[in-house]
Protein backbone atom coordinates (compact mmCIF):
# COMPACT_ATOMS: atom_id res chain seq x y z
CA MET A 1 -0.01 -0.01 -0.05
CA SER A 2 1.06 3.46 -0.74
CA ASN A 3 0.50 6.53 1.03
CA VAL A 4 -0.34 4.83 4.46
CA PRO A 5 0.42 6.41 7.88
CA SER A 6 2.74 3.73 9.11
CA ASN A 7 4.82 6.00 11.41
CA GLU A 8 1.70 7.12 13.10
CA ILE A 9 0.51 3.55 13.49
CA ALA A 10 3.92 2.72 15.21
CA GLU A 11 3.60 5.80 17.42
CA LEU A 12 0.08 4.85 18.54
CA THR A 13 1.33 1.23 19.26
CA ALA A 14 4.23 2.62 21.42
CA LYS A 15 1.76 4.70 23.36
CA ILE A 16 -0.35 1.81 24.57
CA ASP A 17 -0.23 2.00 28.49
CA GLY A 18 -2.24 -0.09 30.74
CA GLU A 19 -5.05 -2.71 29.98
CA ILE A 20 -7.85 -0.41 28.90
CA ILE A 21 -8.27 2.72 26.72
CA ASP A 22 -10.94 5.07 26.52
CA ARG A 23 -13.24 4.11 23.70
CA SER A 24 -13.86 7.75 22.16
CA ARG A 25 -9.96 8.05 22.04
CA VAL A 26 -9.44 4.72 20.07
CA ILE A 27 -12.40 6.07 17.51
CA ASP A 28 -10.61 9.17 17.38
CA HIS A 29 -7.25 7.64 16.47
CA LEU A 30 -8.81 5.47 13.86
CA LEU A 31 -10.62 8.45 12.26
CA ASP A 32 -7.17 10.47 12.42
CA LEU A 33 -5.52 7.58 10.67
CA ARG A 34 -8.31 7.36 8.01
CA LEU A 35 -7.87 11.07 7.37
CA LEU A 36 -4.09 10.61 6.88
CA THR A 37 -4.62 8.41 3.51
CA THR A 38 -6.35 8.23 0.23
CA ASP A 39 -5.41 4.42 -0.20
CA ILE A 40 -8.84 2.90 -0.37
CA ALA A 41 -7.93 -0.52 0.99
CA PHE A 42 -6.46 0.78 4.01
CA THR A 43 -9.57 3.12 4.46
CA ALA A 44 -11.85 0.40 4.07
CA GLN A 45 -9.80 -1.72 6.67
CA VAL A 46 -10.24 1.33 9.17
CA ASP A 47 -13.93 1.54 8.33
CA ARG A 48 -14.13 -2.06 9.41
CA LEU A 49 -12.45 -1.55 12.55
CA LEU A 50 -14.50 1.57 13.48
CA GLY A 51 -17.55 -0.75 13.12
CA ASP A 52 -15.80 -3.48 15.44
CA VAL A 53 -14.87 -1.10 18.30
CA PRO A 54 -15.91 -3.11 21.50
CA GLY A 55 -17.12 -1.76 24.63
CA ALA A 56 -19.40 1.01 25.76
CA SER A 57 -17.00 3.27 27.16
CA MET A 58 -13.60 1.31 27.39
CA VAL A 59 -11.67 -0.88 25.01
CA ASP A 60 -9.27 -3.69 26.01
CA ALA A 61 -5.81 -2.53 25.23
CA ALA A 62 -5.15 -6.12 23.63
CA TRP A 63 -7.84 -5.18 21.30
CA TRP A 64 -6.41 -2.02 20.27
CA ARG A 65 -2.87 -3.48 19.97
CA GLN A 66 -4.23 -6.19 17.70
CA ALA A 67 -6.18 -3.54 15.60
CA LEU A 68 -3.16 -1.57 15.12
CA GLY A 69 -0.99 -4.72 14.41
CA GLN A 70 -3.62 -5.53 11.54
CA LEU A 71 -3.17 -2.02 10.14
CA ALA A 72 0.64 -2.13 10.23
CA ALA A 73 0.83 -5.32 8.69
CA SER A 74 -1.29 -4.07 5.69
CA THR A 75 1.04 -1.40 5.17
CA GLU A 76 3.97 -3.57 4.58
CA PRO A 77 5.09 -3.82 0.89
CA GLN A 78 3.42 -6.83 -0.88
CA PRO A 79 5.52 -8.86 -3.39
CA ALA A 80 4.66 -8.25 -7.03
């Protein structure tokens, strides 16, 4: 994928601290990532994650770490 925010994903992953994260903060971060790219496949993946954010007010940090890992993996160059 081109034009994807891989540095921002790495920064968000490094900032995970504790076992839970405010759900609204997770959604804000996903929306920020969505705005940083024009890559349709990446945007679709972020949209899917936005629809899957668990919890009413808090998100398990493990879910957030996994979601960021999926996004990071999707930014890696694919063999031709």
